[in-house]
């Protein structure tokens, strides 16, 4: 996990040096619940791998994640759906992997 963090930090520094605004996000781990929450939320909002995210920015995904997390904390059915999504992702389910491509 440390190697990918170091590589990511290096890329961020290069992009900043070139004058780009960089939003640093670091994920360490596997297909965690956070991905299940985000994919479940995006599907509910009508996003698909075929349609993609259009002209959304990374900041929009951060906001979607915050909304998904709030929903996860208060909605048992959403929790269950998100956890099932993670299990399906880890199993290599084609439908779930297409959600990852959103």
PDB file of N, CA and C in Angstrom:
ATOM      1  N   UNK A   1       0.818  -1.199   0.000  1.00  0.00           N
ATOM      2  CA  UNK A   1       0.000   0.000   0.000  1.00  0.00           C
ATOM      3  C   UNK A   1       0.860   1.260   0.000  1.00  0.00           C
ATOM      4  N   UNK A   2       2.012   1.187   0.611  1.00  0.00           N
ATOM      5  CA  UNK A   2       2.859   2.369   0.702  1.00  0.00           C
ATOM      6  C   UNK A   2       3.400   2.774  -0.667  1.00  0.00           C
ATOM      7  N   UNK A   3       3.746   1.783  -1.488  1.00  0.00           N
ATOM      8  CA  UNK A   3       4.303   2.092  -2.807  1.00  0.00           C
ATOM      9  C   UNK A   3       3.326   2.920  -3.641  1.00  0.00           C
ATOM     10  N   UNK A   4       2.045   2.514  -3.672  1.00  0.00           N
ATOM     11  CA  UNK A   4       1.078   3.267  -4.472  1.00  0.00           C
ATOM     12  C   UNK A   4       0.851   4.664  -3.901  1.00  0.00           C
ATOM     13  N   UNK A   5       0.940   4.814  -2.581  1.00  0.00           N
ATOM     14  CA  UNK A   5       0.810   6.137  -1.962  1.00  0.00           C
ATOM     15  C   UNK A   5       1.971   7.036  -2.377  1.00  0.00           C
ATOM     16  N   UNK A   6       3.173   6.480  -2.391  1.00  0.00           N
ATOM     17  CA  UNK A   6       4.354   7.254  -2.782  1.00  0.00           C
ATOM     18  C   UNK A   6       4.279   7.635  -4.260  1.00  0.00           C
ATOM     19  N   UNK A   7       3.865   6.697  -5.092  1.00  0.00           N
ATOM     20  CA  UNK A   7       3.721   7.000  -6.523  1.00  0.00           C
ATOM     21  C   UNK A   7       2.672   8.094  -6.721  1.00  0.00           C
ATOM     22  N   UNK A   8       1.548   7.973  -6.035  1.00  0.00           N
ATOM     23  CA  UNK A   8       0.498   8.988  -6.139  1.00  0.00           C
ATOM     24  C   UNK A   8       0.972  10.355  -5.689  1.00  0.00           C
ATOM     25  N   UNK A   9       1.709  10.390  -4.592  1.00  0.00           N
ATOM     26  CA  UNK A   9       2.243  11.660  -4.094  1.00  0.00           C
ATOM     27  C   UNK A   9       3.199  12.279  -5.110  1.00  0.00           C
ATOM     28  N   UNK A  10       4.021  11.452  -5.717  1.00  0.00           N
ATOM     29  CA  UNK A  10       4.961  11.943  -6.726  1.00  0.00           C
ATOM     30  C   UNK A  10       4.219  12.533  -7.920  1.00  0.00           C
ATOM     31  N   UNK A  11       3.184  11.835  -8.373  1.00  0.00           N
ATOM     32  CA  UNK A  11       2.396  12.349  -9.497  1.00  0.00           C
ATOM     33  C   UNK A  11       1.710  13.666  -9.138  1.00  0.00           C
ATOM     34  N   UNK A  12       1.197  13.758  -7.921  1.00  0.00           N
ATOM     35  CA  UNK A  12       0.567  15.006  -7.468  1.00  0.00           C
ATOM     36  C   UNK A  12       1.565  16.153  -7.473  1.00  0.00           C
ATOM     37  N   UNK A  13       2.749  15.880  -6.978  1.00  0.00           N
ATOM     38  CA  UNK A  13       3.777  16.933  -6.937  1.00  0.00           C
ATOM     39  C   UNK A  13       4.152  17.395  -8.346  1.00  0.00           C
ATOM     40  N   UNK A  14       4.245  16.445  -9.276  1.00  0.00           N
ATOM     41  CA  UNK A  14       4.556  16.808 -10.662  1.00  0.00           C
ATOM     42  C   UNK A  14       3.449  17.673 -11.259  1.00  0.00           C
ATOM     43  N   UNK A  15       2.210  17.271 -11.054  1.00  0.00           N
ATOM     44  CA  UNK A  15       1.079  18.037 -11.587  1.00  0.00           C
ATOM     45  C   UNK A  15       1.020  19.434 -10.975  1.00  0.00           C
ATOM     46  N   UNK A  16       1.278  19.528  -9.667  1.00  0.00           N
ATOM     47  CA  UNK A  16       1.301  20.841  -9.017  1.00  0.00           C
ATOM     48  C   UNK A  16       2.435  21.704  -9.573  1.00  0.00           C
ATOM     49  N   UNK A  17       3.576  21.090  -9.792  1.00  0.00           N
ATOM     50  CA  UNK A  17       4.716  21.804 -10.359  1.00  0.00           C
ATOM     51  C   UNK A  17       4.378  22.360 -11.742  1.00  0.00           C
ATOM     52  N   UNK A  18       3.568  21.606 -12.487  1.00  0.00           N
ATOM     53  CA  UNK A  18       3.162  22.040 -13.825  1.00  0.00           C
ATOM     54  C   UNK A  18       2.034  23.067 -13.788  1.00  0.00           C
ATOM     55  N   UNK A  19       1.589  23.416 -12.576  1.00  0.00           N
ATOM     56  CA  UNK A  19       0.593  24.465 -12.436  1.00  0.00           C
ATOM     57  C   UNK A  19      -0.841  24.002 -12.317  1.00  0.00           C
ATOM     58  N   UNK A  20      -1.051  22.697 -12.198  1.00  0.00           N
ATOM     59  CA  UNK A  20      -2.410  22.171 -12.089  1.00  0.00           C
ATOM     60  C   UNK A  20      -2.879  22.185 -10.640  1.00  0.00           C
ATOM     61  N   UNK A  21      -4.191  22.399 -10.458  1.00  0.00           N
ATOM     62  CA  UNK A  21      -4.788  22.219  -9.133  1.00  0.00           C
ATOM     63  C   UNK A  21      -4.971  20.725  -8.922  1.00  0.00           C
ATOM     64  N   UNK A  22      -4.545  20.231  -7.796  1.00  0.00           N
ATOM     65  CA  UNK A  22      -4.596  18.795  -7.530  1.00  0.00           C
ATOM     66  C   UNK A  22      -5.423  18.539  -6.282  1.00  0.00           C
ATOM     67  N   UNK A  23      -6.389  17.649  -6.399  1.00  0.00           N
ATOM     68  CA  UNK A  23      -7.152  17.184  -5.247  1.00  0.00           C
ATOM     69  C   UNK A  23      -6.556  15.840  -4.864  1.00  0.00           C
ATOM     70  N   UNK A  24      -5.979  15.765  -3.692  1.00  0.00           N
ATOM     71  CA  UNK A  24      -5.314  14.542  -3.248  1.00  0.00           C
ATOM     72  C   UNK A  24      -6.297  13.660  -2.486  1.00  0.00           C
ATOM     73  N   UNK A  25      -6.465  12.457  -2.962  1.00  0.00           N
ATOM     74  CA  UNK A  25      -7.267  11.451  -2.275  1.00  0.00           C
ATOM     75  C   UNK A  25      -6.420  10.195  -2.197  1.00  0.00           C
ATOM     76  N   UNK A  26      -6.408   9.569  -1.059  1.00  0.00           N
ATOM     77  CA  UNK A  26      -5.614   8.361  -0.896  1.00  0.00           C
ATOM     78  C   UNK A  26      -6.515   7.261  -0.361  1.00  0.00           C
ATOM     79  N   UNK A  27      -6.602   6.179  -1.112  1.00  0.00           N
ATOM     80  CA  UNK A  27      -7.367   5.032  -0.651  1.00  0.00           C
ATOM     81  C   UNK A  27      -6.400   3.882  -0.437  1.00  0.00           C
ATOM     82  N   UNK A  28      -6.394   3.344   0.737  1.00  0.00           N
ATOM     83  CA  UNK A  28      -5.556   2.196   1.050  1.00  0.00           C
ATOM     84  C   UNK A  28      -6.488   1.043   1.367  1.00  0.00           C
ATOM     85  N   UNK A  29      -6.350  -0.030   0.636  1.00  0.00           N
ATOM     86  CA  UNK A  29      -7.166  -1.188   0.956  1.00  0.00           C
ATOM     87  C   UNK A  29      -7.743  -1.850  -0.275  1.00  0.00           C
ATOM     88  N   UNK A  30      -8.881  -2.476  -0.048  1.00  0.00           N
ATOM     89  CA  UNK A  30      -9.519  -3.287  -1.068  1.00  0.00           C
ATOM     90  C   UNK A  30     -10.787  -2.602  -1.558  1.00  0.00           C
ATOM     91  N   UNK A  31     -11.678  -3.389  -2.134  1.00  0.00           N
ATOM     92  CA  UNK A  31     -12.987  -2.882  -2.537  1.00  0.00           C
ATOM     93  C   UNK A  31     -13.793  -2.710  -1.254  1.00  0.00           C
ATOM     94  N   UNK A  32     -13.547  -1.684  -0.521  1.00  0.00           N
ATOM     95  CA  UNK A  32     -14.209  -1.482   0.757  1.00  0.00           C
ATOM     96  C   UNK A  32     -15.639  -1.018   0.616  1.00  0.00           C
ATOM     97  N   UNK A  33     -16.276  -0.949   1.761  1.00  0.00           N
ATOM     98  CA  UNK A  33     -17.675  -0.540   1.814  1.00  0.00           C
ATOM     99  C   UNK A  33     -17.884   0.807   1.136  1.00  0.00           C
ATOM    100  N   UNK A  34     -16.885   1.693   1.199  1.00  0.00           N
ATOM    101  CA  UNK A  34     -17.051   3.009   0.586  1.00  0.00           C
ATOM    102  C   UNK A  34     -17.332   2.912  -0.907  1.00  0.00           C
ATOM    103  N   UNK A  35     -16.732   1.932  -1.586  1.00  0.00           N
ATOM    104  CA  UNK A  35     -17.005   1.768  -3.012  1.00  0.00           C
ATOM    105  C   UNK A  35     -18.399   1.211  -3.238  1.00  0.00           C
ATOM    106  N   UNK A  36     -18.804   0.291  -2.389  1.00  0.00           N
ATOM    107  CA  UNK A  36     -20.166  -0.231  -2.483  1.00  0.00           C
ATOM    108  C   UNK A  36     -21.195   0.860  -2.285  1.00  0.00           C
ATOM    109  N   UNK A  37     -20.940   1.740  -1.310  1.00  0.00           N
ATOM    110  CA  UNK A  37     -21.858   2.856  -1.054  1.00  0.00           C
ATOM    111  C   UNK A  37     -21.934   3.777  -2.266  1.00  0.00           C
ATOM    112  N   UNK A  38     -20.780   4.134  -2.808  1.00  0.00           N
ATOM    113  CA  UNK A  38     -20.747   5.082  -3.911  1.00  0.00           C
ATOM    114  C   UNK A  38     -21.400   4.499  -5.165  1.00  0.00           C
ATOM    115  N   UNK A  39     -21.089   3.254  -5.487  1.00  0.00           N
ATOM    116  CA  UNK A  39     -21.678   2.624  -6.672  1.00  0.00           C
ATOM    117  C   UNK A  39     -23.188   2.492  -6.511  1.00  0.00           C
ATOM    118  N   UNK A  40     -23.637   2.060  -5.342  1.00  0.00           N
ATOM    119  CA  UNK A  40     -25.072   1.937  -5.091  1.00  0.00           C
ATOM    120  C   UNK A  40     -25.753   3.290  -5.240  1.00  0.00           C
ATOM    121  N   UNK A  41     -25.153   4.315  -4.688  1.00  0.00           N
ATOM    122  CA  UNK A  41     -25.716   5.665  -4.757  1.00  0.00           C
ATOM    123  C   UNK A  41     -25.764   6.167  -6.204  1.00  0.00           C
ATOM    124  N   UNK A  42     -24.665   5.996  -6.949  1.00  0.00           N
ATOM    125  CA  UNK A  42     -24.624   6.461  -8.333  1.00  0.00           C
ATOM    126  C   UNK A  42     -25.656   5.744  -9.194  1.00  0.00           C
ATOM    127  N   UNK A  43     -25.825   4.456  -8.976  1.00  0.00           N
ATOM    128  CA  UNK A  43     -26.845   3.720  -9.732  1.00  0.00           C
ATOM    129  C   UNK A  43     -28.236   4.255  -9.427  1.00  0.00           C
ATOM    130  N   UNK A  44     -28.487   4.536  -8.145  1.00  0.00           N
ATOM    131  CA  UNK A  44     -29.791   5.089  -7.773  1.00  0.00           C
ATOM    132  C   UNK A  44     -30.035   6.437  -8.445  1.00  0.00           C
ATOM    133  N   UNK A  45     -28.970   7.174  -8.697  1.00  0.00           N
ATOM    134  CA  UNK A  45     -29.087   8.489  -9.336  1.00  0.00           C
ATOM    135  C   UNK A  45     -29.125   8.385 -10.862  1.00  0.00           C
ATOM    136  N   UNK A  46     -29.069   7.154 -11.379  1.00  0.00           N
ATOM    137  CA  UNK A  46     -29.215   6.950 -12.821  1.00  0.00           C
ATOM    138  C   UNK A  46     -27.929   6.889 -13.617  1.00  0.00           C
ATOM    139  N   UNK A  47     -26.791   6.868 -12.950  1.00  0.00           N
ATOM    140  CA  UNK A  47     -25.526   6.759 -13.669  1.00  0.00           C
ATOM    141  C   UNK A  47     -25.274   5.299 -14.030  1.00  0.00           C
ATOM    142  N   UNK A  48     -24.743   5.070 -15.223  1.00  0.00           N
ATOM    143  CA  UNK A  48     -24.381   3.721 -15.658  1.00  0.00           C
ATOM    144  C   UNK A  48     -23.005   3.775 -16.308  1.00  0.00           C
ATOM    145  N   UNK A  49     -22.397   2.605 -16.479  1.00  0.00           N
ATOM    146  CA  UNK A  49     -21.089   2.553 -17.136  1.00  0.00           C
ATOM    147  C   UNK A  49     -21.209   3.041 -18.578  1.00  0.00           C
ATOM    148  N   UNK A  50     -22.346   2.732 -19.216  1.00  0.00           N
ATOM    149  CA  UNK A  50     -22.542   3.138 -20.602  1.00  0.00           C
ATOM    150  C   UNK A  50     -22.636   4.658 -20.733  1.00  0.00           C
ATOM    151  N   UNK A  51     -23.351   5.284 -19.813  1.00  0.00           N
ATOM    152  CA  UNK A  51     -23.520   6.742 -19.858  1.00  0.00           C
ATOM    153  C   UNK A  51     -22.323   7.467 -19.254  1.00  0.00           C
ATOM    154  N   UNK A  52     -21.625   6.804 -18.342  1.00  0.00           N
ATOM    155  CA  UNK A  52     -20.500   7.427 -17.662  1.00  0.00           C
ATOM    156  C   UNK A  52     -20.964   8.533 -16.729  1.00  0.00           C
ATOM    157  N   UNK A  53     -20.061   9.418 -16.397  1.00  0.00           N
ATOM    158  CA  UNK A  53     -20.362  10.513 -15.474  1.00  0.00           C
ATOM    159  C   UNK A  53     -20.527  11.849 -16.180  1.00  0.00           C
ATOM    160  N   UNK A  54     -20.494  11.818 -17.516  1.00  0.00           N
ATOM    161  CA  UNK A  54     -20.664  13.071 -18.240  1.00  0.00           C
ATOM    162  C   UNK A  54     -19.545  14.042 -17.922  1.00  0.00           C
ATOM    163  N   UNK A  55     -19.916  15.262 -17.606  1.00  0.00           N
ATOM    164  CA  UNK A  55     -18.908  16.287 -17.342  1.00  0.00           C
ATOM    165  C   UNK A  55     -18.714  16.553 -15.853  1.00  0.00           C
ATOM    166  N   UNK A  56     -19.028  15.558 -15.031  1.00  0.00           N
ATOM    167  CA  UNK A  56     -18.819  15.716 -13.592  1.00  0.00           C
ATOM    168  C   UNK A  56     -17.328  15.783 -13.280  1.00  0.00           C
ATOM    169  N   UNK A  57     -17.009  16.449 -12.202  1.00  0.00           N
ATOM    170  CA  UNK A  57     -15.632  16.600 -11.750  1.00  0.00           C
ATOM    171  C   UNK A  57     -15.393  15.702 -10.534  1.00  0.00           C
ATOM    172  N   UNK A  58     -14.142  15.532 -10.146  1.00  0.00           N
ATOM    173  CA  UNK A  58     -13.814  14.711  -8.984  1.00  0.00           C
ATOM    174  C   UNK A  58     -14.490  15.254  -7.728  1.00  0.00           C
ATOM    175  N   UNK A  59     -14.633  16.555  -7.633  1.00  0.00           N
ATOM    176  CA  UNK A  59     -15.318  17.148  -6.485  1.00  0.00           C
ATOM    177  C   UNK A  59     -16.769  16.707  -6.385  1.00  0.00           C
ATOM    178  N   UNK A  60     -17.401  16.467  -7.554  1.00  0.00           N
ATOM    179  CA  UNK A  60     -18.771  15.963  -7.553  1.00  0.00           C
ATOM    180  C   UNK A  60     -18.821  14.568  -6.939  1.00  0.00           C
ATOM    181  N   UNK A  61     -17.815  13.750  -7.249  1.00  0.00           N
ATOM    182  CA  UNK A  61     -17.760  12.406  -6.666  1.00  0.00           C
ATOM    183  C   UNK A  61     -17.563  12.474  -5.160  1.00  0.00           C
ATOM    184  N   UNK A  62     -16.785  13.429  -4.705  1.00  0.00           N
ATOM    185  CA  UNK A  62     -16.597  13.611  -3.265  1.00  0.00           C
ATOM    186  C   UNK A  62     -17.938  13.939  -2.621  1.00  0.00           C
ATOM    187  N   UNK A  63     -18.702  14.830  -3.242  1.00  0.00           N
ATOM    188  CA  UNK A  63     -20.027  15.168  -2.709  1.00  0.00           C
ATOM    189  C   UNK A  63     -20.970  13.977  -2.756  1.00  0.00           C
ATOM    190  N   UNK A  64     -20.934  13.211  -3.850  1.00  0.00           N
ATOM    191  CA  UNK A  64     -21.765  12.008  -3.929  1.00  0.00           C
ATOM    192  C   UNK A  64     -21.394  11.039  -2.813  1.00  0.00           C
ATOM    193  N   UNK A  65     -20.089  10.901  -2.558  1.00  0.00           N
ATOM    194  CA  UNK A  65     -19.656  10.006  -1.488  1.00  0.00           C
ATOM    195  C   UNK A  65     -20.205  10.472  -0.146  1.00  0.00           C
ATOM    196  N   UNK A  66     -20.145  11.762   0.119  1.00  0.00           N
ATOM    197  CA  UNK A  66     -20.668  12.286   1.386  1.00  0.00           C
ATOM    198  C   UNK A  66     -22.160  11.996   1.518  1.00  0.00           C
ATOM    199  N   UNK A  67     -22.896  12.164   0.421  1.00  0.00           N
ATOM    200  CA  UNK A  67     -24.327  11.879   0.445  1.00  0.00           C
ATOM    201  C   UNK A  67     -24.580  10.379   0.641  1.00  0.00           C
ATOM    202  N   UNK A  68     -23.765   9.552  -0.026  1.00  0.00           N
ATOM    203  CA  UNK A  68     -23.904   8.105   0.123  1.00  0.00           C
ATOM    204  C   UNK A  68     -23.600   7.681   1.556  1.00  0.00           C
ATOM    205  N   UNK A  69     -22.582   8.273   2.158  1.00  0.00           N
ATOM    206  CA  UNK A  69     -22.217   7.945   3.543  1.00  0.00           C
ATOM    207  C   UNK A  69     -23.340   8.325   4.503  1.00  0.00           C
ATOM    208  N   UNK A  70     -23.934   9.496   4.308  1.00  0.00           N
ATOM    209  CA  UNK A  70     -25.049   9.910   5.162  1.00  0.00           C
ATOM    210  C   UNK A  70     -26.214   8.942   5.015  1.00  0.00           C
ATOM    211  N   UNK A  71     -26.479   8.545   3.796  1.00  0.00           N
ATOM    212  CA  UNK A  71     -27.567   7.589   3.542  1.00  0.00           C
ATOM    213  C   UNK A  71     -27.249   6.240   4.178  1.00  0.00           C
ATOM    214  N   UNK A  72     -26.007   5.807   4.069  1.00  0.00           N
ATOM    215  CA  UNK A  72     -25.570   4.538   4.647  1.00  0.00           C
ATOM    216  C   UNK A  72     -25.779   4.538   6.157  1.00  0.00           C
ATOM    217  N   UNK A  73     -25.482   5.658   6.788  1.00  0.00           N
ATOM    218  CA  UNK A  73     -25.590   5.757   8.243  1.00  0.00           C
ATOM    219  C   UNK A  73     -27.028   5.724   8.742  1.00  0.00           C
ATOM    220  N   UNK A  74     -27.986   6.050   7.882  1.00  0.00           N
ATOM    221  CA  UNK A  74     -29.370   6.146   8.350  1.00  0.00           C
ATOM    222  C   UNK A  74     -30.344   5.171   7.699  1.00  0.00           C
ATOM    223  N   UNK A  75     -29.911   4.449   6.678  1.00  0.00           N
ATOM    224  CA  UNK A  75     -30.837   3.608   5.911  1.00  0.00           C
ATOM    225  C   UNK A  75     -30.320   2.169   5.857  1.00  0.00           C
ATOM    226  N   UNK A  76     -31.011   1.281   6.573  1.00  0.00           N
ATOM    227  CA  UNK A  76     -30.560  -0.117   6.645  1.00  0.00           C
ATOM    228  C   UNK A  76     -30.582  -0.812   5.292  1.00  0.00           C
ATOM    229  N   UNK A  77     -31.593  -0.533   4.484  1.00  0.00           N
ATOM    230  CA  UNK A  77     -31.683  -1.161   3.162  1.00  0.00           C
ATOM    231  C   UNK A  77     -30.510  -0.717   2.280  1.00  0.00           C
ATOM    232  N   UNK A  78     -30.134   0.546   2.392  1.00  0.00           N
ATOM    233  CA  UNK A  78     -28.994   1.055   1.630  1.00  0.00           C
ATOM    234  C   UNK A  78     -27.702   0.406   2.117  1.00  0.00           C
ATOM    235  N   UNK A  79     -27.579   0.205   3.430  1.00  0.00           N
ATOM    236  CA  UNK A  79     -26.408  -0.480   3.995  1.00  0.00           C
ATOM    237  C   UNK A  79     -26.286  -1.879   3.407  1.00  0.00           C
ATOM    238  N   UNK A  80     -27.405  -2.598   3.404  1.00  0.00           N
ATOM    239  CA  UNK A  80     -27.413  -3.969   2.890  1.00  0.00           C
ATOM    240  C   UNK A  80     -27.035  -3.995   1.415  1.00  0.00           C
ATOM    241  N   UNK A  81     -27.629  -3.106   0.624  1.00  0.00           N
ATOM    242  CA  UNK A  81     -27.328  -3.056  -0.807  1.00  0.00           C
ATOM    243  C   UNK A  81     -25.858  -2.720  -1.046  1.00  0.00           C
ATOM    244  N   UNK A  82     -25.317  -1.801  -0.265  1.00  0.00           N
ATOM    245  CA  UNK A  82     -23.911  -1.404  -0.412  1.00  0.00           C
ATOM    246  C   UNK A  82     -22.973  -2.551  -0.073  1.00  0.00           C
ATOM    247  N   UNK A  83     -23.278  -3.263   0.983  1.00  0.00           N
ATOM    248  CA  UNK A  83     -22.431  -4.404   1.381  1.00  0.00           C
ATOM    249  C   UNK A  83     -22.496  -5.523   0.349  1.00  0.00           C
ATOM    250  N   UNK A  84     -23.679  -5.761  -0.203  1.00  0.00           N
ATOM    251  CA  UNK A  84     -23.816  -6.778  -1.253  1.00  0.00           C
ATOM    252  C   UNK A  84     -23.005  -6.379  -2.487  1.00  0.00           C
ATOM    253  N   UNK A  85     -22.983  -5.099  -2.768  1.00  0.00           N
ATOM    254  CA  UNK A  85     -22.211  -4.600  -3.913  1.00  0.00           C
ATOM    255  C   UNK A  85     -20.725  -4.886  -3.721  1.00  0.00           C
ATOM    256  N   UNK A  86     -20.222  -4.712  -2.511  1.00  0.00           N
ATOM    257  CA  UNK A  86     -18.807  -4.986  -2.225  1.00  0.00           C
ATOM    258  C   UNK A  86     -18.502  -6.468  -2.420  1.00  0.00           C
ATOM    259  N   UNK A  87     -19.368  -7.323  -1.908  1.00  0.00           N
ATOM    260  CA  UNK A  87     -19.168  -8.771  -2.055  1.00  0.00           C
ATOM    261  C   UNK A  87     -19.151  -9.142  -3.535  1.00  0.00           C
ATOM    262  N   UNK A  88     -20.075  -8.567  -4.300  1.00  0.00           N
ATOM    263  CA  UNK A  88     -20.131  -8.855  -5.733  1.00  0.00           C
ATOM    264  C   UNK A  88     -18.877  -8.340  -6.446  1.00  0.00           C
ATOM    265  N   UNK A  89     -18.404  -7.161  -6.067  1.00  0.00           N
ATOM    266  CA  UNK A  89     -17.170  -6.628  -6.654  1.00  0.00           C
ATOM    267  C   UNK A  89     -15.994  -7.566  -6.392  1.00  0.00           C
ATOM    268  N   UNK A  90     -15.874  -8.006  -5.156  1.00  0.00           N
ATOM    269  CA  UNK A  90     -14.763  -8.881  -4.788  1.00  0.00           C
ATOM    270  C   UNK A  90     -14.844 -10.224  -5.497  1.00  0.00           C
ATOM    271  N   UNK A  91     -16.065 -10.635  -5.853  1.00  0.00           N
ATOM    272  CA  UNK A  91     -16.247 -11.905  -6.552  1.00  0.00           C
ATOM    273  C   UNK A  91     -16.050 -11.758  -8.062  1.00  0.00           C
ATOM    274  N   UNK A  92     -15.877 -10.525  -8.534  1.00  0.00           N
ATOM    275  CA  UNK A  92     -15.668 -10.302  -9.959  1.00  0.00           C
ATOM    276  C   UNK A  92     -16.942 -10.282 -10.780  1.00  0.00           C
ATOM    277  N   UNK A  93     -18.077 -10.051 -10.135  1.00  0.00           N
ATOM    278  CA  UNK A  93     -19.363  -9.998 -10.826  1.00  0.00           C
ATOM    279  C   UNK A  93     -19.342  -8.925 -11.921  1.00  0.00           C
ATOM    280  N   UNK A  94     -19.737  -9.303 -13.140  1.00  0.00           N
ATOM    281  CA  UNK A  94     -19.654  -8.390 -14.284  1.00  0.00           C
ATOM    282  C   UNK A  94     -20.507  -7.141 -14.094  1.00  0.00           C
ATOM    283  N   UNK A  95     -21.704  -7.298 -13.558  1.00  0.00           N
ATOM    284  CA  UNK A  95     -22.577  -6.139 -13.344  1.00  0.00           C
ATOM    285  C   UNK A  95     -21.965  -5.189 -12.330  1.00  0.00           C
ATOM    286  N   UNK A  96     -21.420  -5.734 -11.263  1.00  0.00           N
ATOM    287  CA  UNK A  96     -20.794  -4.895 -10.243  1.00  0.00           C
ATOM    288  C   UNK A  96     -19.543  -4.212 -10.772  1.00  0.00           C
ATOM    289  N   UNK A  97     -18.763  -4.936 -11.549  1.00  0.00           N
ATOM    290  CA  UNK A  97     -17.565  -4.331 -12.135  1.00  0.00           C
ATOM    291  C   UNK A  97     -17.929  -3.210 -13.106  1.00  0.00           C
ATOM    292  N   UNK A  98     -19.078  -3.343 -13.775  1.00  0.00           N
ATOM    293  CA  UNK A  98     -19.505  -2.247 -14.653  1.00  0.00           C
ATOM    294  C   UNK A  98     -19.835  -1.014 -13.822  1.00  0.00           C
ATOM    295  N   UNK A  99     -20.337  -1.212 -12.601  1.00  0.00           N
ATOM    296  CA  UNK A  99     -20.582  -0.094 -11.697  1.00  0.00           C
ATOM    297  C   UNK A  99     -19.292   0.593 -11.311  1.00  0.00           C
ATOM    298  N   UNK A 100     -18.239  -0.179 -11.178  1.00  0.00           N
ATOM    299  CA  UNK A 100     -16.923   0.381 -10.852  1.00  0.00           C
ATOM    300  C   UNK A 100     -16.434   1.266 -11.996  1.00  0.00           C
ATOM    301  N   UNK A 101     -16.838   0.926 -13.226  1.00  0.00           N
ATOM    302  CA  UNK A 101     -16.397   1.701 -14.389  1.00  0.00           C
ATOM    303  C   UNK A 101     -17.147   3.018 -14.532  1.00  0.00           C
ATOM    304  N   UNK A 102     -18.224   3.190 -13.776  1.00  0.00           N
ATOM    305  CA  UNK A 102     -18.956   4.458 -13.829  1.00  0.00           C
ATOM    306  C   UNK A 102     -17.966   5.533 -13.498  1.00  0.00           C
TER     307      UNK A 102
END
